[in-house]
Amino acid sequence: MHKTTAAFLFATMFLPVGASDPGEPLDCTDWVILEPGLTCTYFHPSFQLVSQKGSNLVIDNSGAPIQLDYHGCSTRLQRWDPLNGWKTLAFVEDRTGLFNVCQTYDRGSPVLSTMETSETGHLVNDVLWFDAVDGSVIFPFRSFCSLSCQGTGCGGNCPPTYGAFPFTKWRVIKFEGFAKLFDLVQTYNPASASLTFTVPAHPEGLRGADWFDTYYGDLAMVGDWSQAQPLACDYPASSPSRGDYLEVADPLPDPAPGEGRYYVTAVHYQGEARYGRKSSGGVLSGRDPTLLPACVEPN
């Protein structure tokens, strides 16, 4: 892959990842992500920073509530859809052990241990943060092998390997990819040969967006925006809303080895156009929109 990024384009390779091994703590690889554009990472190795603060319901930059829902052996990250109710964005399920028993988890204080029957269980404290600038949801998550076998089906018999939380690990999970506050961050997806981004709450500082134009050019010419070539113009078909996930097809061949290509997207709103910022003497300012050529897609 030789497609390259400029300062305003962050490209990510979408590679398949496997789940964690049996007997090990659940981690980001065990989360099943259903919402395009979301990724799971770690905010901080220590949970104390967020374990006692926050809320069990947060609002994202699109104005939609987000919650964690617990259903049997599954934890679901959900967002409210006014038409369809709670929509699951991602979920993780426990791996059951020898007795194939799951319990409803006590989501009380994370400093108190709980007795679980699954081989690798999870506990999520009812604490959520939403980073409005970055567009990410943050929450503490503990994964562990059970301390002892209690509850229906165990019969008081525990495998000798079950003891003293041998694999306990607290993590602060961070889901990125929600609408940011200002920045329009594009990602190149080689699997579908497309550029994708989530519409920010205030794209490039504007109050909204009427449409977008996407350009490309030789990386050696980055900065000379008059040389940019149209890739997609005047999209989507209707005015986008904050939080919309947009995808632009990229039919261009890969650059030759040793060469690169940049992409830049301009937002238009009520007669204004913006396409990122420049720095001069440590001061940020908007790029001159008159330098971009008119966006006319080739026939």
C-alpha atoms as a PDB file:
ATOM      1  CA  MET A   1       0.000   0.000   0.000  1.00  0.00           C
ATOM      2  CA  HIS A   2       1.621   3.213  -1.159  1.00  0.00           C
ATOM      3  CA  LYS A   3      -1.193   5.653  -0.558  1.00  0.00           C
ATOM      4  CA  THR A   4       0.232   8.234   1.787  1.00  0.00           C
ATOM      5  CA  THR A   5      -1.196  10.831   4.116  1.00  0.00           C
ATOM      6  CA  ALA A   6      -0.723  14.525   4.660  1.00  0.00           C
ATOM      7  CA  ALA A   7      -1.187  16.280   7.979  1.00  0.00           C
ATOM      8  CA  PHE A   8      -4.934  16.447   7.515  1.00  0.00           C
ATOM      9  CA  LEU A   9      -5.421  12.808   6.493  1.00  0.00           C
ATOM     10  CA  PHE A  10      -4.975   9.917   8.857  1.00  0.00           C
ATOM     11  CA  ALA A  11      -4.923   6.570   7.055  1.00  0.00           C
ATOM     12  CA  THR A  12      -5.555   3.308   8.869  1.00  0.00           C
ATOM     13  CA  MET A  13      -5.094  -0.226   7.610  1.00  0.00           C
ATOM     14  CA  PHE A  14      -8.143  -2.342   8.440  1.00  0.00           C
ATOM     15  CA  LEU A  15      -6.661  -5.710   9.289  1.00  0.00           C
ATOM     16  CA  PRO A  16      -8.513  -8.675  10.754  1.00  0.00           C
ATOM     17  CA  VAL A  17      -7.636  -9.451  14.355  1.00  0.00           C
ATOM     18  CA  GLY A  18      -8.259 -12.594  16.334  1.00  0.00           C
ATOM     19  CA  ALA A  19      -9.865 -12.855  19.741  1.00  0.00           C
ATOM     20  CA  SER A  20      -7.795 -13.335  22.857  1.00  0.00           C
ATOM     21  CA  ASP A  21      -6.877 -16.903  23.761  1.00  0.00           C
ATOM     22  CA  PRO A  22      -9.029 -19.002  26.123  1.00  0.00           C
ATOM     23  CA  GLY A  23      -8.101 -18.423  29.749  1.00  0.00           C
ATOM     24  CA  GLU A  24      -6.747 -14.944  29.065  1.00  0.00           C
ATOM     25  CA  PRO A  25      -8.513 -11.669  29.891  1.00  0.00           C
ATOM     26  CA  LEU A  26     -10.970 -10.327  27.360  1.00  0.00           C
ATOM     27  CA  ASP A  27      -9.587  -7.364  25.440  1.00  0.00           C
ATOM     28  CA  CYS A  28     -10.327  -5.169  22.428  1.00  0.00           C
ATOM     29  CA  THR A  29      -9.964  -8.104  20.053  1.00  0.00           C
ATOM     30  CA  ASP A  30     -12.999  -9.744  21.699  1.00  0.00           C
ATOM     31  CA  TRP A  31     -15.323  -6.816  21.030  1.00  0.00           C
ATOM     32  CA  VAL A  32     -17.502  -7.273  17.947  1.00  0.00           C
ATOM     33  CA  ILE A  33     -17.909  -3.855  16.301  1.00  0.00           C
ATOM     34  CA  LEU A  34     -21.102  -3.378  14.306  1.00  0.00           C
ATOM     35  CA  GLU A  35     -20.880   0.360  13.605  1.00  0.00           C
ATOM     36  CA  PRO A  36     -18.614   1.332  10.671  1.00  0.00           C
ATOM     37  CA  GLY A  37     -15.762   3.620  11.634  1.00  0.00           C
ATOM     38  CA  LEU A  38     -15.490   2.616  15.307  1.00  0.00           C
ATOM     39  CA  THR A  39     -12.274   1.197  16.724  1.00  0.00           C
ATOM     40  CA  CYS A  40     -11.423  -0.128  20.174  1.00  0.00           C
ATOM     41  CA  THR A  41      -8.235   0.877  21.973  1.00  0.00           C
ATOM     42  CA  TYR A  42      -7.014   1.551  25.514  1.00  0.00           C
ATOM     43  CA  PHE A  43      -7.164   4.919  27.219  1.00  0.00           C
ATOM     44  CA  HIS A  44      -4.976   4.202  30.242  1.00  0.00           C
ATOM     45  CA  PRO A  45      -3.670   1.049  31.957  1.00  0.00           C
ATOM     46  CA  SER A  46      -5.110   2.150  35.324  1.00  0.00           C
ATOM     47  CA  PHE A  47      -8.850   2.175  35.975  1.00  0.00           C
ATOM     48  CA  GLN A  48      -8.734   4.399  39.059  1.00  0.00           C
ATOM     49  CA  LEU A  49      -8.821   7.521  36.878  1.00  0.00           C
ATOM     50  CA  VAL A  50     -12.393   6.908  35.754  1.00  0.00           C
ATOM     51  CA  SER A  51     -13.788   4.179  37.991  1.00  0.00           C
ATOM     52  CA  GLN A  52     -15.598   6.461  40.424  1.00  0.00           C
ATOM     53  CA  LYS A  53     -16.429   9.441  38.225  1.00  0.00           C
ATOM     54  CA  GLY A  54     -18.596   9.960  35.178  1.00  0.00           C
ATOM     55  CA  SER A  55     -22.129   8.962  34.227  1.00  0.00           C
ATOM     56  CA  ASN A  56     -24.043   5.873  33.146  1.00  0.00           C
ATOM     57  CA  LEU A  57     -25.439   7.824  30.181  1.00  0.00           C
ATOM     58  CA  VAL A  58     -23.540  10.268  27.945  1.00  0.00           C
ATOM     59  CA  ILE A  59     -24.453  12.356  24.888  1.00  0.00           C
ATOM     60  CA  ASP A  60     -22.325  12.215  21.735  1.00  0.00           C
ATOM     61  CA  ASN A  61     -21.670  15.039  19.264  1.00  0.00           C
ATOM     62  CA  SER A  62     -24.667  14.032  17.174  1.00  0.00           C
ATOM     63  CA  GLY A  63     -26.911  14.618  20.191  1.00  0.00           C
ATOM     64  CA  ALA A  64     -27.624  10.911  20.736  1.00  0.00           C
ATOM     65  CA  PRO A  65     -27.474   9.237  24.186  1.00  0.00           C
ATOM     66  CA  ILE A  66     -24.957   6.396  24.625  1.00  0.00           C
ATOM     67  CA  GLN A  67     -25.109   3.698  27.287  1.00  0.00           C
ATOM     68  CA  LEU A  68     -23.673   0.330  28.285  1.00  0.00           C
ATOM     69  CA  ASP A  69     -26.319  -2.376  28.413  1.00  0.00           C
ATOM     70  CA  TYR A  70     -25.876  -5.703  30.207  1.00  0.00           C
ATOM     71  CA  HIS A  71     -27.767  -8.705  28.921  1.00  0.00           C
ATOM     72  CA  GLY A  72     -26.897 -12.062  30.452  1.00  0.00           C
ATOM     73  CA  CYS A  73     -23.291 -12.744  29.527  1.00  0.00           C
ATOM     74  CA  SER A  74     -23.029  -9.866  27.063  1.00  0.00           C
ATOM     75  CA  THR A  75     -22.113  -6.201  27.391  1.00  0.00           C
ATOM     76  CA  ARG A  76     -23.349  -3.888  24.650  1.00  0.00           C
ATOM     77  CA  LEU A  77     -22.311  -0.358  23.751  1.00  0.00           C
ATOM     78  CA  GLN A  78     -25.531   1.246  22.509  1.00  0.00           C
ATOM     79  CA  ARG A  79     -26.711   4.543  21.021  1.00  0.00           C
ATOM     80  CA  TRP A  80     -30.287   5.799  21.003  1.00  0.00           C
ATOM     81  CA  ASP A  81     -32.006   6.022  17.623  1.00  0.00           C
ATOM     82  CA  PRO A  82     -35.261   8.035  17.793  1.00  0.00           C
ATOM     83  CA  LEU A  83     -36.858   5.795  15.150  1.00  0.00           C
ATOM     84  CA  ASN A  84     -35.624   2.366  16.247  1.00  0.00           C
ATOM     85  CA  GLY A  85     -34.684   2.692  19.905  1.00  0.00           C
ATOM     86  CA  TRP A  86     -31.365   1.476  21.302  1.00  0.00           C
ATOM     87  CA  LYS A  87     -28.946   0.386  18.561  1.00  0.00           C
ATOM     88  CA  THR A  88     -25.999  -1.845  19.467  1.00  0.00           C
ATOM     89  CA  LEU A  89     -22.731  -0.401  18.179  1.00  0.00           C
ATOM     90  CA  ALA A  90     -20.418  -3.063  19.628  1.00  0.00           C
ATOM     91  CA  PHE A  91     -20.637  -5.946  22.073  1.00  0.00           C
ATOM     92  CA  VAL A  92     -18.470  -8.433  23.951  1.00  0.00           C
ATOM     93  CA  GLU A  93     -19.485 -11.824  25.359  1.00  0.00           C
ATOM     94  CA  ASP A  94     -17.993 -13.943  28.105  1.00  0.00           C
ATOM     95  CA  ARG A  95     -16.318 -17.244  27.376  1.00  0.00           C
ATOM     96  CA  THR A  96     -17.908 -19.900  29.545  1.00  0.00           C
ATOM     97  CA  GLY A  97     -15.739 -22.443  31.290  1.00  0.00           C
ATOM     98  CA  LEU A  98     -16.058 -26.012  32.469  1.00  0.00           C
ATOM     99  CA  PHE A  99     -19.575 -25.648  33.896  1.00  0.00           C
ATOM    100  CA  ASN A 100     -20.906 -23.417  31.114  1.00  0.00           C
ATOM    101  CA  VAL A 101     -22.583 -21.123  33.638  1.00  0.00           C
ATOM    102  CA  CYS A 102     -22.975 -17.360  33.417  1.00  0.00           C
ATOM    103  CA  GLN A 103     -24.268 -14.949  36.005  1.00  0.00           C
ATOM    104  CA  THR A 104     -25.625 -11.427  35.892  1.00  0.00           C
ATOM    105  CA  TYR A 105     -22.708  -9.326  36.983  1.00  0.00           C
ATOM    106  CA  ASP A 106     -22.580  -7.072  40.007  1.00  0.00           C
ATOM    107  CA  ARG A 107     -21.617  -3.678  38.651  1.00  0.00           C
ATOM    108  CA  GLY A 108     -20.917  -2.152  42.023  1.00  0.00           C
ATOM    109  CA  SER A 109     -17.697  -0.636  43.248  1.00  0.00           C
ATOM    110  CA  PRO A 110     -14.769  -1.957  41.207  1.00  0.00           C
ATOM    111  CA  VAL A 111     -12.678  -2.310  44.367  1.00  0.00           C
ATOM    112  CA  LEU A 112     -14.954  -5.161  45.502  1.00  0.00           C
ATOM    113  CA  SER A 113     -14.285  -8.565  43.985  1.00  0.00           C
ATOM    114  CA  THR A 114     -17.185 -10.659  42.737  1.00  0.00           C
ATOM    115  CA  MET A 115     -17.580 -14.398  42.440  1.00  0.00           C
ATOM    116  CA  GLU A 116     -18.141 -15.488  38.854  1.00  0.00           C
ATOM    117  CA  THR A 117     -18.592 -18.828  37.184  1.00  0.00           C
ATOM    118  CA  SER A 118     -17.350 -18.092  33.679  1.00  0.00           C
ATOM    119  CA  GLU A 119     -13.840 -18.975  32.615  1.00  0.00           C
ATOM    120  CA  THR A 120     -13.267 -15.425  31.428  1.00  0.00           C
ATOM    121  CA  GLY A 121     -15.857 -13.019  32.733  1.00  0.00           C
ATOM    122  CA  HIS A 122     -16.131  -9.275  32.682  1.00  0.00           C
ATOM    123  CA  LEU A 123     -17.231  -6.499  34.980  1.00  0.00           C
ATOM    124  CA  VAL A 124     -18.000  -2.990  33.813  1.00  0.00           C
ATOM    125  CA  ASN A 125     -18.561  -0.246  36.325  1.00  0.00           C
ATOM    126  CA  ASP A 126     -21.467   2.045  35.447  1.00  0.00           C
ATOM    127  CA  VAL A 127     -19.159   4.889  34.461  1.00  0.00           C
ATOM    128  CA  LEU A 128     -18.995   6.476  31.015  1.00  0.00           C
ATOM    129  CA  TRP A 129     -17.097   9.476  29.693  1.00  0.00           C
ATOM    130  CA  PHE A 130     -17.520  11.113  26.299  1.00  0.00           C
ATOM    131  CA  ASP A 131     -14.615  13.121  24.900  1.00  0.00           C
ATOM    132  CA  ALA A 132     -16.430  15.679  22.736  1.00  0.00           C
ATOM    133  CA  VAL A 133     -13.295  17.047  21.041  1.00  0.00           C
ATOM    134  CA  ASP A 134     -11.872  13.643  20.143  1.00  0.00           C
ATOM    135  CA  GLY A 135     -15.212  11.905  19.583  1.00  0.00           C
ATOM    136  CA  SER A 136     -14.604   8.885  21.822  1.00  0.00           C
ATOM    137  CA  VAL A 137     -16.365   6.938  24.587  1.00  0.00           C
ATOM    138  CA  ILE A 138     -14.299   5.856  27.594  1.00  0.00           C
ATOM    139  CA  PHE A 139     -15.181   3.377  30.357  1.00  0.00           C
ATOM    140  CA  PRO A 140     -13.423   0.991  32.801  1.00  0.00           C
ATOM    141  CA  PHE A 141     -13.594  -2.730  32.048  1.00  0.00           C
ATOM    142  CA  ARG A 142     -12.329  -5.673  34.099  1.00  0.00           C
ATOM    143  CA  SER A 143     -11.738  -9.131  32.689  1.00  0.00           C
ATOM    144  CA  PHE A 144     -10.863 -12.131  34.824  1.00  0.00           C
ATOM    145  CA  CYS A 145     -10.987 -15.840  35.389  1.00  0.00           C
ATOM    146  CA  SER A 146     -13.376 -16.731  38.184  1.00  0.00           C
ATOM    147  CA  LEU A 147     -12.234 -16.639  41.787  1.00  0.00           C
ATOM    148  CA  SER A 148     -14.420 -19.551  42.755  1.00  0.00           C
ATOM    149  CA  CYS A 149     -17.417 -21.449  41.484  1.00  0.00           C
ATOM    150  CA  GLN A 150     -20.641 -20.230  42.969  1.00  0.00           C
ATOM    151  CA  GLY A 151     -24.213 -20.231  41.770  1.00  0.00           C
ATOM    152  CA  THR A 152     -26.407 -22.655  39.895  1.00  0.00           C
ATOM    153  CA  GLY A 153     -24.627 -25.524  38.213  1.00  0.00           C
ATOM    154  CA  CYS A 154     -21.311 -25.360  40.029  1.00  0.00           C
ATOM    155  CA  GLY A 155     -22.081 -27.778  42.824  1.00  0.00           C
ATOM    156  CA  GLY A 156     -19.143 -26.502  44.852  1.00  0.00           C
ATOM    157  CA  ASN A 157     -16.604 -28.252  42.622  1.00  0.00           C
ATOM    158  CA  CYS A 158     -13.932 -25.960  41.150  1.00  0.00           C
ATOM    159  CA  PRO A 159     -11.161 -26.872  38.752  1.00  0.00           C
ATOM    160  CA  PRO A 160      -7.788 -26.512  40.493  1.00  0.00           C
ATOM    161  CA  THR A 161      -6.747 -23.813  38.009  1.00  0.00           C
ATOM    162  CA  TYR A 162      -9.544 -21.547  39.264  1.00  0.00           C
ATOM    163  CA  GLY A 163      -8.166 -19.484  42.075  1.00  0.00           C
ATOM    164  CA  ALA A 164      -7.047 -16.075  43.275  1.00  0.00           C
ATOM    165  CA  PHE A 165      -7.940 -14.269  40.041  1.00  0.00           C
ATOM    166  CA  PRO A 166      -4.852 -15.465  38.134  1.00  0.00           C
ATOM    167  CA  PHE A 167      -5.676 -13.444  35.020  1.00  0.00           C
ATOM    168  CA  THR A 168      -7.408 -10.348  36.386  1.00  0.00           C
ATOM    169  CA  LYS A 169      -6.811  -7.200  34.377  1.00  0.00           C
ATOM    170  CA  TRP A 170      -8.436  -3.792  34.578  1.00  0.00           C
ATOM    171  CA  ARG A 171      -8.378  -1.667  31.469  1.00  0.00           C
ATOM    172  CA  VAL A 172      -9.918   1.626  30.494  1.00  0.00           C
ATOM    173  CA  ILE A 173     -11.551   0.941  27.133  1.00  0.00           C
ATOM    174  CA  LYS A 174     -11.745   3.714  24.551  1.00  0.00           C
ATOM    175  CA  PHE A 175     -14.017   3.517  21.512  1.00  0.00           C
ATOM    176  CA  GLU A 176     -12.975   6.014  18.852  1.00  0.00           C
ATOM    177  CA  GLY A 177     -14.738   6.980  15.639  1.00  0.00           C
ATOM    178  CA  PHE A 178     -17.718   8.966  16.887  1.00  0.00           C
ATOM    179  CA  ALA A 179     -18.296  12.412  15.404  1.00  0.00           C
ATOM    180  CA  LYS A 180     -15.573  14.805  16.502  1.00  0.00           C
ATOM    181  CA  LEU A 181     -16.234  18.397  17.462  1.00  0.00           C
ATOM    182  CA  PHE A 182     -14.389  20.207  14.653  1.00  0.00           C
ATOM    183  CA  ASP A 183     -11.852  18.036  12.831  1.00  0.00           C
ATOM    184  CA  LEU A 184     -12.744  16.176   9.672  1.00  0.00           C
ATOM    185  CA  VAL A 185     -10.510  13.100   9.840  1.00  0.00           C
ATOM    186  CA  GLN A 186     -10.448  10.839   6.792  1.00  0.00           C
ATOM    187  CA  THR A 187      -9.422   7.197   6.803  1.00  0.00           C
ATOM    188  CA  TYR A 188      -8.381   5.148   3.783  1.00  0.00           C
ATOM    189  CA  ASN A 189      -9.878   1.657   3.715  1.00  0.00           C
ATOM    190  CA  PRO A 190      -7.889  -0.576   1.335  1.00  0.00           C
ATOM    191  CA  ALA A 191     -10.446  -3.385   1.581  1.00  0.00           C
ATOM    192  CA  SER A 192     -13.091  -1.293  -0.174  1.00  0.00           C
ATOM    193  CA  ALA A 193     -10.740   1.192  -1.889  1.00  0.00           C
ATOM    194  CA  SER A 194     -12.551   4.117  -0.312  1.00  0.00           C
ATOM    195  CA  LEU A 195     -12.102   7.140   1.916  1.00  0.00           C
ATOM    196  CA  THR A 196     -14.364   7.369   4.946  1.00  0.00           C
ATOM    197  CA  PHE A 197     -15.081   9.913   7.649  1.00  0.00           C
ATOM    198  CA  THR A 198     -17.707  10.794  10.239  1.00  0.00           C
ATOM    199  CA  VAL A 199     -19.239  14.264   9.904  1.00  0.00           C
ATOM    200  CA  PRO A 200     -18.129  16.414  12.886  1.00  0.00           C
ATOM    201  CA  ALA A 201     -20.515  18.515  14.942  1.00  0.00           C
ATOM    202  CA  HIS A 202     -18.971  21.697  13.490  1.00  0.00           C
ATOM    203  CA  PRO A 203     -16.946  20.694  10.403  1.00  0.00           C
ATOM    204  CA  GLU A 204     -13.773  22.811  10.292  1.00  0.00           C
ATOM    205  CA  GLY A 205     -15.447  25.204  12.750  1.00  0.00           C
ATOM    206  CA  LEU A 206     -18.543  25.863  10.622  1.00  0.00           C
ATOM    207  CA  ARG A 207     -22.022  25.550  12.088  1.00  0.00           C
ATOM    208  CA  GLY A 208     -22.882  22.777   9.668  1.00  0.00           C
ATOM    209  CA  ALA A 209     -22.260  21.355   6.208  1.00  0.00           C
ATOM    210  CA  ASP A 210     -24.194  21.659   2.958  1.00  0.00           C
ATOM    211  CA  TRP A 211     -21.868  19.378   0.991  1.00  0.00           C
ATOM    212  CA  PHE A 212     -18.285  18.094   0.694  1.00  0.00           C
ATOM    213  CA  ASP A 213     -15.730  18.012  -2.130  1.00  0.00           C
ATOM    214  CA  THR A 214     -12.760  15.622  -2.028  1.00  0.00           C
ATOM    215  CA  TYR A 215      -9.527  16.183  -3.977  1.00  0.00           C
ATOM    216  CA  TYR A 216      -6.261  14.315  -4.427  1.00  0.00           C
ATOM    217  CA  GLY A 217      -2.778  15.146  -5.660  1.00  0.00           C
ATOM    218  CA  ASP A 218       0.885  14.189  -5.848  1.00  0.00           C
ATOM    219  CA  LEU A 219       2.376  14.215  -2.360  1.00  0.00           C
ATOM    220  CA  ALA A 220       5.400  16.075  -3.741  1.00  0.00           C
ATOM    221  CA  MET A 221       3.033  18.962  -4.577  1.00  0.00           C
ATOM    222  CA  VAL A 222       1.266  19.133  -1.208  1.00  0.00           C
ATOM    223  CA  GLY A 223       0.793  22.778  -0.290  1.00  0.00           C
ATOM    224  CA  ASP A 224       0.154  23.885  -3.856  1.00  0.00           C
ATOM    225  CA  TRP A 225      -3.595  23.373  -3.626  1.00  0.00           C
ATOM    226  CA  SER A 226      -4.174  24.757  -7.121  1.00  0.00           C
ATOM    227  CA  GLN A 227      -2.795  21.433  -8.416  1.00  0.00           C
ATOM    228  CA  ALA A 228      -5.377  19.334  -6.543  1.00  0.00           C
ATOM    229  CA  GLN A 229      -7.578  17.112  -8.706  1.00  0.00           C
ATOM    230  CA  PRO A 230     -11.276  16.416  -7.993  1.00  0.00           C
ATOM    231  CA  LEU A 231     -12.102  12.917  -6.773  1.00  0.00           C
ATOM    232  CA  ALA A 232     -15.723  13.360  -5.629  1.00  0.00           C
ATOM    233  CA  CYS A 233     -17.852  16.513  -5.753  1.00  0.00           C
ATOM    234  CA  ASP A 234     -21.003  17.846  -4.127  1.00  0.00           C
ATOM    235  CA  TYR A 235     -21.788  14.884  -1.900  1.00  0.00           C
ATOM    236  CA  PRO A 236     -23.838  13.471  -0.236  1.00  0.00           C
ATOM    237  CA  ALA A 237     -27.052  13.851  -2.225  1.00  0.00           C
ATOM    238  CA  SER A 238     -28.754  15.723   0.642  1.00  0.00           C
ATOM    239  CA  SER A 239     -27.254  17.934   3.339  1.00  0.00           C
ATOM    240  CA  PRO A 240     -25.351  15.722   5.819  1.00  0.00           C
ATOM    241  CA  SER A 241     -26.077  15.620   9.530  1.00  0.00           C
ATOM    242  CA  ARG A 242     -23.468  15.535  12.272  1.00  0.00           C
ATOM    243  CA  GLY A 243     -22.521  11.947  12.989  1.00  0.00           C
ATOM    244  CA  ASP A 244     -23.208  10.704   9.449  1.00  0.00           C
ATOM    245  CA  TYR A 245     -20.661   8.159   8.214  1.00  0.00           C
ATOM    246  CA  LEU A 246     -19.656   9.015   4.637  1.00  0.00           C
ATOM    247  CA  GLU A 247     -17.711   6.911   2.157  1.00  0.00           C
ATOM    248  CA  VAL A 248     -16.049   8.079  -1.056  1.00  0.00           C
ATOM    249  CA  ALA A 249     -14.963   5.534  -3.659  1.00  0.00           C
ATOM    250  CA  ASP A 250     -11.334   5.808  -4.764  1.00  0.00           C
ATOM    251  CA  PRO A 251     -10.833   4.147  -8.177  1.00  0.00           C
ATOM    252  CA  LEU A 252      -7.277   5.486  -8.545  1.00  0.00           C
ATOM    253  CA  PRO A 253      -4.438   2.968  -8.892  1.00  0.00           C
ATOM    254  CA  ASP A 254      -1.815   2.770  -6.177  1.00  0.00           C
ATOM    255  CA  PRO A 255       1.057   5.242  -6.635  1.00  0.00           C
ATOM    256  CA  ALA A 256       4.307   3.822  -7.975  1.00  0.00           C
ATOM    257  CA  PRO A 257       6.848   2.677  -5.354  1.00  0.00           C
ATOM    258  CA  GLY A 258       8.562   5.665  -3.805  1.00  0.00           C
ATOM    259  CA  GLU A 259       5.693   8.008  -4.656  1.00  0.00           C
ATOM    260  CA  GLY A 260       2.666   9.085  -2.654  1.00  0.00           C
ATOM    261  CA  ARG A 261      -0.708  10.730  -2.924  1.00  0.00           C
ATOM    262  CA  TYR A 262      -2.532  13.111  -0.601  1.00  0.00           C
ATOM    263  CA  TYR A 263      -6.261  13.586  -0.139  1.00  0.00           C
ATOM    264  CA  VAL A 264      -8.067  16.628   1.173  1.00  0.00           C
ATOM    265  CA  THR A 265     -11.766  17.247   1.688  1.00  0.00           C
ATOM    266  CA  ALA A 266     -13.402  20.671   1.662  1.00  0.00           C
ATOM    267  CA  VAL A 267     -16.631  21.446   3.503  1.00  0.00           C
ATOM    268  CA  HIS A 268     -19.134  23.971   2.118  1.00  0.00           C
ATOM    269  CA  TYR A 269     -21.708  25.733   4.261  1.00  0.00           C
ATOM    270  CA  GLN A 270     -23.835  28.746   3.352  1.00  0.00           C
ATOM    271  CA  GLY A 271     -21.332  30.116   0.864  1.00  0.00           C
ATOM    272  CA  GLU A 272     -18.206  29.395   2.929  1.00  0.00           C
ATOM    273  CA  ALA A 273     -15.614  26.724   2.124  1.00  0.00           C
ATOM    274  CA  ARG A 274     -12.895  25.375   4.401  1.00  0.00           C
ATOM    275  CA  TYR A 275     -10.394  22.558   4.032  1.00  0.00           C
ATOM    276  CA  GLY A 276      -8.145  22.348   7.056  1.00  0.00           C
ATOM    277  CA  ARG A 277      -5.620  24.671   8.661  1.00  0.00           C
ATOM    278  CA  LYS A 278      -2.097  25.915   8.180  1.00  0.00           C
ATOM    279  CA  SER A 279       0.486  27.042  10.713  1.00  0.00           C
ATOM    280  CA  SER A 280       2.527  30.222  10.353  1.00  0.00           C
ATOM    281  CA  GLY A 281       4.778  31.327  13.186  1.00  0.00           C
ATOM    282  CA  GLY A 282       2.977  28.974  15.539  1.00  0.00           C
ATOM    283  CA  VAL A 283      -0.420  30.510  14.688  1.00  0.00           C
ATOM    284  CA  LEU A 284      -3.108  28.365  13.057  1.00  0.00           C
ATOM    285  CA  SER A 285      -5.332  29.799  10.344  1.00  0.00           C
ATOM    286  CA  GLY A 286      -7.617  28.421   7.676  1.00  0.00           C
ATOM    287  CA  ARG A 287      -6.287  27.601   4.230  1.00  0.00           C
ATOM    288  CA  ASP A 288      -7.333  29.970   1.434  1.00  0.00           C
ATOM    289  CA  PRO A 289     -10.401  28.368  -0.218  1.00  0.00           C
ATOM    290  CA  THR A 290      -9.810  30.272  -3.470  1.00  0.00           C
ATOM    291  CA  LEU A 291      -6.685  28.184  -4.096  1.00  0.00           C
ATOM    292  CA  LEU A 292      -8.717  25.010  -4.647  1.00  0.00           C
ATOM    293  CA  PRO A 293      -9.841  24.564  -8.259  1.00  0.00           C
ATOM    294  CA  ALA A 294     -13.532  24.191  -8.998  1.00  0.00           C
ATOM    295  CA  CYS A 295     -14.688  20.663  -8.240  1.00  0.00           C
ATOM    296  CA  VAL A 296     -15.830  19.084 -11.489  1.00  0.00           C
ATOM    297  CA  GLU A 297     -15.665  15.316 -11.666  1.00  0.00           C
ATOM    298  CA  PRO A 298     -14.167  13.868 -14.863  1.00  0.00           C
ATOM    299  CA  ASN A 299     -16.577  12.149 -17.212  1.00  0.00           C
END
